[in-house]
Amino acid sequence: MESVERRALERAVQIVGSPESLARILDESSDRIEYWLEGLLPIPSDAFTKIVDVLLSENLAESGRECAKARAIVSKDETKNV
């Protein structure tokens, strides 16, 4: 079974685009990220905290985009009713 840490790592890689990009964000080597992805090394708790920050940042950004869409729809509907 895959660990929560590893699933979070995989999602963070998807969000930022590559293991190399995540390595830069986490201030780690690309090799270390690959070892974590392959399950060869455990993910240290300080790195996991940074990974969670990446996930939360993406969730906040997505929420902001959804709010902007909703405001645009409401604004468009309001101008139709005037």
PDB file of N, CA and C in Angstrom:
ATOM      1  N   MET A   1       0.844  -1.191   0.000  1.00  0.00           N
ATOM      2  CA  MET A   1       0.000   0.000   0.000  1.00  0.00           C
ATOM      3  C   MET A   1       0.882   1.245   0.000  1.00  0.00           C
ATOM      4  N   GLU A   2       0.479   2.226  -0.772  1.00  0.00           N
ATOM      5  CA  GLU A   2       1.232   3.459  -0.877  1.00  0.00           C
ATOM      6  C   GLU A   2       0.975   4.343   0.341  1.00  0.00           C
ATOM      7  N   SER A   3       2.023   4.988   0.805  1.00  0.00           N
ATOM      8  CA  SER A   3       1.881   5.850   1.970  1.00  0.00           C
ATOM      9  C   SER A   3       1.271   7.188   1.580  1.00  0.00           C
ATOM     10  N   VAL A   4       0.703   7.844   2.554  1.00  0.00           N
ATOM     11  CA  VAL A   4       0.156   9.187   2.355  1.00  0.00           C
ATOM     12  C   VAL A   4       1.274  10.123   1.896  1.00  0.00           C
ATOM     13  N   GLU A   5       2.440   9.971   2.493  1.00  0.00           N
ATOM     14  CA  GLU A   5       3.568  10.831   2.138  1.00  0.00           C
ATOM     15  C   GLU A   5       3.933  10.689   0.659  1.00  0.00           C
ATOM     16  N   ARG A   6       3.975   9.452   0.202  1.00  0.00           N
ATOM     17  CA  ARG A   6       4.363   9.212  -1.191  1.00  0.00           C
ATOM     18  C   ARG A   6       3.291   9.693  -2.156  1.00  0.00           C
ATOM     19  N   ARG A   7       2.031   9.496  -1.819  1.00  0.00           N
ATOM     20  CA  ARG A   7       0.945  10.005  -2.669  1.00  0.00           C
ATOM     21  C   ARG A   7       0.993  11.526  -2.726  1.00  0.00           C
ATOM     22  N   ALA A   8       1.262  12.150  -1.585  1.00  0.00           N
ATOM     23  CA  ALA A   8       1.379  13.609  -1.554  1.00  0.00           C
ATOM     24  C   ALA A   8       2.546  14.067  -2.422  1.00  0.00           C
ATOM     25  N   LEU A   9       3.661  13.355  -2.337  1.00  0.00           N
ATOM     26  CA  LEU A   9       4.832  13.670  -3.153  1.00  0.00           C
ATOM     27  C   LEU A   9       4.493  13.562  -4.641  1.00  0.00           C
ATOM     28  N   GLU A  10       3.830  12.499  -5.031  1.00  0.00           N
ATOM     29  CA  GLU A  10       3.468  12.305  -6.435  1.00  0.00           C
ATOM     30  C   GLU A  10       2.552  13.431  -6.919  1.00  0.00           C
ATOM     31  N   ARG A  11       1.605  13.826  -6.091  1.00  0.00           N
ATOM     32  CA  ARG A  11       0.695  14.917  -6.466  1.00  0.00           C
ATOM     33  C   ARG A  11       1.451  16.234  -6.569  1.00  0.00           C
ATOM     34  N   ALA A  12       2.375  16.482  -5.649  1.00  0.00           N
ATOM     35  CA  ALA A  12       3.167  17.708  -5.703  1.00  0.00           C
ATOM     36  C   ALA A  12       3.986  17.767  -6.989  1.00  0.00           C
ATOM     37  N   VAL A  13       4.531  16.627  -7.407  1.00  0.00           N
ATOM     38  CA  VAL A  13       5.283  16.576  -8.669  1.00  0.00           C
ATOM     39  C   VAL A  13       4.358  16.928  -9.832  1.00  0.00           C
ATOM     40  N   GLN A  14       3.145  16.409  -9.820  1.00  0.00           N
ATOM     41  CA  GLN A  14       2.182  16.735 -10.873  1.00  0.00           C
ATOM     42  C   GLN A  14       1.882  18.237 -10.888  1.00  0.00           C
ATOM     43  N   ILE A  15       1.710  18.805  -9.720  1.00  0.00           N
ATOM     44  CA  ILE A  15       1.357  20.225  -9.614  1.00  0.00           C
ATOM     45  C   ILE A  15       2.457  21.114 -10.166  1.00  0.00           C
ATOM     46  N   VAL A  16       3.700  20.829  -9.769  1.00  0.00           N
ATOM     47  CA  VAL A  16       4.803  21.712 -10.187  1.00  0.00           C
ATOM     48  C   VAL A  16       5.386  21.329 -11.537  1.00  0.00           C
ATOM     49  N   GLY A  17       5.055  20.155 -12.053  1.00  0.00           N
ATOM     50  CA  GLY A  17       5.437  19.798 -13.401  1.00  0.00           C
ATOM     51  C   GLY A  17       6.534  18.766 -13.566  1.00  0.00           C
ATOM     52  N   SER A  18       7.407  18.620 -12.578  1.00  0.00           N
ATOM     53  CA  SER A  18       8.483  17.629 -12.706  1.00  0.00           C
ATOM     54  C   SER A  18       9.170  17.422 -11.359  1.00  0.00           C
ATOM     55  N   PRO A  19       9.845  16.276 -11.211  1.00  0.00           N
ATOM     56  CA  PRO A  19      10.625  16.065  -9.979  1.00  0.00           C
ATOM     57  C   PRO A  19      11.714  17.128  -9.799  1.00  0.00           C
ATOM     58  N   GLU A  20      12.273  17.589 -10.909  1.00  0.00           N
ATOM     59  CA  GLU A  20      13.330  18.603 -10.836  1.00  0.00           C
ATOM     60  C   GLU A  20      12.787  19.918 -10.285  1.00  0.00           C
ATOM     61  N   SER A  21      11.603  20.306 -10.739  1.00  0.00           N
ATOM     62  CA  SER A  21      10.981  21.534 -10.231  1.00  0.00           C
ATOM     63  C   SER A  21      10.687  21.418  -8.742  1.00  0.00           C
ATOM     64  N   LEU A  22      10.188  20.259  -8.337  1.00  0.00           N
ATOM     65  CA  LEU A  22       9.901  20.059  -6.919  1.00  0.00           C
ATOM     66  C   LEU A  22      11.195  20.057  -6.112  1.00  0.00           C
ATOM     67  N   ALA A  23      12.240  19.488  -6.663  1.00  0.00           N
ATOM     68  CA  ALA A  23      13.531  19.474  -5.979  1.00  0.00           C
ATOM     69  C   ALA A  23      13.996  20.903  -5.680  1.00  0.00           C
ATOM     70  N   ARG A  24      13.816  21.789  -6.655  1.00  0.00           N
ATOM     71  CA  ARG A  24      14.203  23.190  -6.441  1.00  0.00           C
ATOM     72  C   ARG A  24      13.368  23.828  -5.335  1.00  0.00           C
ATOM     73  N   ILE A  25      12.073  23.559  -5.350  1.00  0.00           N
ATOM     74  CA  ILE A  25      11.180  24.123  -4.332  1.00  0.00           C
ATOM     75  C   ILE A  25      11.555  23.612  -2.948  1.00  0.00           C
ATOM     76  N   LEU A  26      11.858  22.323  -2.853  1.00  0.00           N
ATOM     77  CA  LEU A  26      12.165  21.707  -1.558  1.00  0.00           C
ATOM     78  C   LEU A  26      13.626  21.880  -1.152  1.00  0.00           C
ATOM     79  N   ASP A  27      14.422  22.449  -2.050  1.00  0.00           N
ATOM     80  CA  ASP A  27      15.860  22.590  -1.822  1.00  0.00           C
ATOM     81  C   ASP A  27      16.501  21.225  -1.545  1.00  0.00           C
ATOM     82  N   GLU A  28      16.164  20.285  -2.425  1.00  0.00           N
ATOM     83  CA  GLU A  28      16.687  18.919  -2.366  1.00  0.00           C
ATOM     84  C   GLU A  28      17.273  18.565  -3.728  1.00  0.00           C
ATOM     85  N   SER A  29      18.025  17.498  -3.789  1.00  0.00           N
ATOM     86  CA  SER A  29      18.540  17.047  -5.077  1.00  0.00           C
ATOM     87  C   SER A  29      17.439  16.291  -5.833  1.00  0.00           C
ATOM     88  N   SER A  30      17.541  16.324  -7.153  1.00  0.00           N
ATOM     89  CA  SER A  30      16.593  15.568  -7.979  1.00  0.00           C
ATOM     90  C   SER A  30      16.694  14.076  -7.694  1.00  0.00           C
ATOM     91  N   ASP A  31      17.914  13.607  -7.434  1.00  0.00           N
ATOM     92  CA  ASP A  31      18.102  12.188  -7.104  1.00  0.00           C
ATOM     93  C   ASP A  31      17.320  11.814  -5.855  1.00  0.00           C
ATOM     94  N   ARG A  32      17.367  12.679  -4.852  1.00  0.00           N
ATOM     95  CA  ARG A  32      16.649  12.375  -3.608  1.00  0.00           C
ATOM     96  C   ARG A  32      15.153  12.296  -3.860  1.00  0.00           C
ATOM     97  N   ILE A  33      14.631  13.203  -4.674  1.00  0.00           N
ATOM     98  CA  ILE A  33      13.196  13.165  -5.007  1.00  0.00           C
ATOM     99  C   ILE A  33      12.869  11.837  -5.696  1.00  0.00           C
ATOM    100  N   GLU A  34      13.713  11.422  -6.616  1.00  0.00           N
ATOM    101  CA  GLU A  34      13.498  10.143  -7.308  1.00  0.00           C
ATOM    102  C   GLU A  34      13.529   8.971  -6.324  1.00  0.00           C
ATOM    103  N   TYR A  35      14.457   8.990  -5.370  1.00  0.00           N
ATOM    104  CA  TYR A  35      14.529   7.927  -4.358  1.00  0.00           C
ATOM    105  C   TYR A  35      13.247   7.891  -3.537  1.00  0.00           C
ATOM    106  N   TRP A  36      12.732   9.060  -3.194  1.00  0.00           N
ATOM    107  CA  TRP A  36      11.478   9.114  -2.445  1.00  0.00           C
ATOM    108  C   TRP A  36      10.338   8.554  -3.285  1.00  0.00           C
ATOM    109  N   LEU A  37      10.279   8.956  -4.551  1.00  0.00           N
ATOM    110  CA  LEU A  37       9.218   8.483  -5.439  1.00  0.00           C
ATOM    111  C   LEU A  37       9.250   6.967  -5.597  1.00  0.00           C
ATOM    112  N   GLU A  38      10.448   6.406  -5.642  1.00  0.00           N
ATOM    113  CA  GLU A  38      10.601   4.962  -5.804  1.00  0.00           C
ATOM    114  C   GLU A  38      10.466   4.206  -4.480  1.00  0.00           C
ATOM    115  N   GLY A  39      10.344   4.939  -3.386  1.00  0.00           N
ATOM    116  CA  GLY A  39      10.226   4.301  -2.084  1.00  0.00           C
ATOM    117  C   GLY A  39      11.539   3.771  -1.539  1.00  0.00           C
ATOM    118  N   LEU A  40      12.659   4.252  -2.099  1.00  0.00           N
ATOM    119  CA  LEU A  40      13.975   3.777  -1.651  1.00  0.00           C
ATOM    120  C   LEU A  40      14.450   4.481  -0.388  1.00  0.00           C
ATOM    121  N   LEU A  41      13.959   5.684  -0.163  1.00  0.00           N
ATOM    122  CA  LEU A  41      14.278   6.439   1.052  1.00  0.00           C
ATOM    123  C   LEU A  41      12.987   6.984   1.638  1.00  0.00           C
ATOM    124  N   PRO A  42      12.899   7.069   2.954  1.00  0.00           N
ATOM    125  CA  PRO A  42      11.722   7.684   3.552  1.00  0.00           C
ATOM    126  C   PRO A  42      11.756   9.201   3.335  1.00  0.00           C
ATOM    127  N   ILE A  43      10.590   9.795   3.263  1.00  0.00           N
ATOM    128  CA  ILE A  43      10.493  11.246   3.103  1.00  0.00           C
ATOM    129  C   ILE A  43      10.612  11.873   4.494  1.00  0.00           C
ATOM    130  N   PRO A  44      11.609  12.724   4.709  1.00  0.00           N
ATOM    131  CA  PRO A  44      11.767  13.357   6.020  1.00  0.00           C
ATOM    132  C   PRO A  44      10.572  14.259   6.340  1.00  0.00           C
ATOM    133  N   SER A  45      10.282  14.426   7.610  1.00  0.00           N
ATOM    134  CA  SER A  45       9.106  15.198   8.004  1.00  0.00           C
ATOM    135  C   SER A  45       9.187  16.655   7.564  1.00  0.00           C
ATOM    136  N   ASP A  46      10.381  17.263   7.568  1.00  0.00           N
ATOM    137  CA  ASP A  46      10.473  18.658   7.128  1.00  0.00           C
ATOM    138  C   ASP A  46      10.181  18.780   5.628  1.00  0.00           C
ATOM    139  N   ALA A  47      10.605  17.804   4.843  1.00  0.00           N
ATOM    140  CA  ALA A  47      10.298  17.804   3.411  1.00  0.00           C
ATOM    141  C   ALA A  47       8.810  17.553   3.194  1.00  0.00           C
ATOM    142  N   PHE A  48       8.233  16.664   3.977  1.00  0.00           N
ATOM    143  CA  PHE A  48       6.799  16.379   3.845  1.00  0.00           C
ATOM    144  C   PHE A  48       5.981  17.627   4.148  1.00  0.00           C
ATOM    145  N   THR A  49       6.409  18.395   5.135  1.00  0.00           N
ATOM    146  CA  THR A  49       5.712  19.644   5.463  1.00  0.00           C
ATOM    147  C   THR A  49       5.735  20.598   4.267  1.00  0.00           C
ATOM    148  N   LYS A  50       6.859  20.690   3.586  1.00  0.00           N
ATOM    149  CA  LYS A  50       6.959  21.544   2.393  1.00  0.00           C
ATOM    150  C   LYS A  50       6.100  21.000   1.258  1.00  0.00           C
ATOM    151  N   ILE A  51       6.024  19.685   1.149  1.00  0.00           N
ATOM    152  CA  ILE A  51       5.178  19.062   0.126  1.00  0.00           C
ATOM    153  C   ILE A  51       3.715  19.415   0.383  1.00  0.00           C
ATOM    154  N   VAL A  52       3.306  19.341   1.634  1.00  0.00           N
ATOM    155  CA  VAL A  52       1.936  19.702   1.996  1.00  0.00           C
ATOM    156  C   VAL A  52       1.681  21.178   1.669  1.00  0.00           C
ATOM    157  N   ASP A  53       2.671  22.032   1.874  1.00  0.00           N
ATOM    158  CA  ASP A  53       2.529  23.445   1.507  1.00  0.00           C
ATOM    159  C   ASP A  53       2.242  23.598   0.015  1.00  0.00           C
ATOM    160  N   VAL A  54       2.929  22.808  -0.817  1.00  0.00           N
ATOM    161  CA  VAL A  54       2.684  22.842  -2.262  1.00  0.00           C
ATOM    162  C   VAL A  54       1.241  22.438  -2.547  1.00  0.00           C
ATOM    163  N   LEU A  55       0.768  21.381  -1.896  1.00  0.00           N
ATOM    164  CA  LEU A  55      -0.598  20.911  -2.110  1.00  0.00           C
ATOM    165  C   LEU A  55      -1.618  21.948  -1.664  1.00  0.00           C
ATOM    166  N   LEU A  56      -1.382  22.551  -0.503  1.00  0.00           N
ATOM    167  CA  LEU A  56      -2.310  23.555   0.006  1.00  0.00           C
ATOM    168  C   LEU A  56      -2.323  24.801  -0.868  1.00  0.00           C
ATOM    169  N   SER A  57      -1.175  25.196  -1.349  1.00  0.00           N
ATOM    170  CA  SER A  57      -1.101  26.359  -2.242  1.00  0.00           C
ATOM    171  C   SER A  57      -1.919  26.124  -3.506  1.00  0.00           C
ATOM    172  N   GLU A  58      -1.818  24.915  -4.041  1.00  0.00           N
ATOM    173  CA  GLU A  58      -2.594  24.581  -5.233  1.00  0.00           C
ATOM    174  C   GLU A  58      -4.087  24.594  -4.928  1.00  0.00           C
ATOM    175  N   ASN A  59      -4.466  24.061  -3.763  1.00  0.00           N
ATOM    176  CA  ASN A  59      -5.885  24.064  -3.389  1.00  0.00           C
ATOM    177  C   ASN A  59      -6.405  25.485  -3.228  1.00  0.00           C
ATOM    178  N   LEU A  60      -5.604  26.361  -2.624  1.00  0.00           N
ATOM    179  CA  LEU A  60      -6.014  27.759  -2.475  1.00  0.00           C
ATOM    180  C   LEU A  60      -6.135  28.434  -3.833  1.00  0.00           C
ATOM    181  N   ALA A  61      -5.194  28.165  -4.712  1.00  0.00           N
ATOM    182  CA  ALA A  61      -5.244  28.753  -6.050  1.00  0.00           C
ATOM    183  C   ALA A  61      -6.488  28.274  -6.797  1.00  0.00           C
ATOM    184  N   GLU A  62      -6.779  26.992  -6.691  1.00  0.00           N
ATOM    185  CA  GLU A  62      -7.965  26.432  -7.349  1.00  0.00           C
ATOM    186  C   GLU A  62      -9.233  27.049  -6.775  1.00  0.00           C
ATOM    187  N   SER A  63      -9.292  27.219  -5.466  1.00  0.00           N
ATOM    188  CA  SER A  63     -10.453  27.845  -4.832  1.00  0.00           C
ATOM    189  C   SER A  63     -10.621  29.272  -5.336  1.00  0.00           C
ATOM    190  N   GLY A  64      -9.518  29.981  -5.466  1.00  0.00           N
ATOM    191  CA  GLY A  64      -9.568  31.350  -5.978  1.00  0.00           C
ATOM    192  C   GLY A  64     -10.096  31.397  -7.402  1.00  0.00           C
ATOM    193  N   ARG A  65      -9.664  30.444  -8.227  1.00  0.00           N
ATOM    194  CA  ARG A  65     -10.150  30.390  -9.613  1.00  0.00           C
ATOM    195  C   ARG A  65     -11.650  30.096  -9.644  1.00  0.00           C
ATOM    196  N   GLU A  66     -12.092  29.193  -8.787  1.00  0.00           N
ATOM    197  CA  GLU A  66     -13.522  28.857  -8.741  1.00  0.00           C
ATOM    198  C   GLU A  66     -14.344  30.051  -8.267  1.00  0.00           C
ATOM    199  N   CYS A  67     -13.848  30.782  -7.285  1.00  0.00           N
ATOM    200  CA  CYS A  67     -14.553  31.978  -6.800  1.00  0.00           C
ATOM    201  C   CYS A  67     -14.638  33.034  -7.900  1.00  0.00           C
ATOM    202  N   ALA A  68     -13.556  33.212  -8.629  1.00  0.00           N
ATOM    203  CA  ALA A  68     -13.546  34.186  -9.720  1.00  0.00           C
ATOM    204  C   ALA A  68     -14.564  33.803 -10.791  1.00  0.00           C
ATOM    205  N   LYS A  69     -14.640  32.516 -11.106  1.00  0.00           N
ATOM    206  CA  LYS A  69     -15.631  32.055 -12.087  1.00  0.00           C
ATOM    207  C   LYS A  69     -17.048  32.334 -11.591  1.00  0.00           C
ATOM    208  N   ALA A  70     -17.289  32.028 -10.318  1.00  0.00           N
ATOM    209  CA  ALA A  70     -18.620  32.239  -9.748  1.00  0.00           C
ATOM    210  C   ALA A  70     -18.989  33.724  -9.766  1.00  0.00           C
ATOM    211  N   ARG A  71     -18.015  34.584  -9.408  1.00  0.00           N
ATOM    212  CA  ARG A  71     -18.287  36.032  -9.436  1.00  0.00           C
ATOM    213  C   ARG A  71     -18.595  36.496 -10.854  1.00  0.00           C
ATOM    214  N   ALA A  72     -17.884  35.972 -11.829  1.00  0.00           N
ATOM    215  CA  ALA A  72     -18.117  36.363 -13.218  1.00  0.00           C
ATOM    216  C   ALA A  72     -19.514  35.947 -13.669  1.00  0.00           C
ATOM    217  N   ILE A  73     -19.937  34.766 -13.276  1.00  0.00           N
ATOM    218  CA  ILE A  73     -21.271  34.284 -13.645  1.00  0.00           C
ATOM    219  C   ILE A  73     -22.339  35.149 -12.999  1.00  0.00           C
ATOM    220  N   VAL A  74     -22.178  35.438 -11.717  1.00  0.00           N
ATOM    221  CA  VAL A  74     -23.152  36.265 -11.000  1.00  0.00           C
ATOM    222  C   VAL A  74     -23.197  37.662 -11.611  1.00  0.00           C
ATOM    223  N   SER A  75     -22.034  38.214 -11.894  1.00  0.00           N
ATOM    224  CA  SER A  75     -21.954  39.552 -12.480  1.00  0.00           C
ATOM    225  C   SER A  75     -22.634  39.578 -13.853  1.00  0.00           C
ATOM    226  N   LYS A  76     -22.404  38.543 -14.662  1.00  0.00           N
ATOM    227  CA  LYS A  76     -23.009  38.453 -15.974  1.00  0.00           C
ATOM    228  C   LYS A  76     -24.522  38.363 -15.868  1.00  0.00           C
ATOM    229  N   ASP A  77     -25.008  37.544 -14.908  1.00  0.00           N
ATOM    230  CA  ASP A  77     -26.448  37.396 -14.700  1.00  0.00           C
ATOM    231  C   ASP A  77     -27.065  38.706 -14.227  1.00  0.00           C
ATOM    232  N   GLU A  78     -26.368  39.440 -13.389  1.00  0.00           N
ATOM    233  CA  GLU A  78     -26.882  40.709 -12.869  1.00  0.00           C
ATOM    234  C   GLU A  78     -27.008  41.735 -13.994  1.00  0.00           C
ATOM    235  N   THR A  79     -26.075  41.762 -14.914  1.00  0.00           N
ATOM    236  CA  THR A  79     -26.162  42.727 -16.016  1.00  0.00           C
ATOM    237  C   THR A  79     -27.269  42.350 -16.993  1.00  0.00           C
ATOM    238  N   LYS A  80     -27.589  41.064 -17.090  1.00  0.00           N
ATOM    239  CA  LYS A  80     -28.688  40.649 -17.945  1.00  0.00           C
ATOM    240  C   LYS A  80     -30.028  41.121 -17.374  1.00  0.00           C
ATOM    241  N   ASN A  81     -30.119  41.148 -16.034  1.00  0.00           N
ATOM    242  CA  ASN A  81     -31.373  41.493 -15.373  1.00  0.00           C
ATOM    243  C   ASN A  81     -31.582  42.995 -15.226  1.00  0.00           C
ATOM    244  N   VAL A  82     -30.636  43.795 -15.653  1.00  0.00           N
ATOM    245  CA  VAL A  82     -30.771  45.250 -15.505  1.00  0.00           C
ATOM    246  C   VAL A  82     -31.463  45.840 -16.676  1.00  0.00           C
TER     247      VAL A  82
END
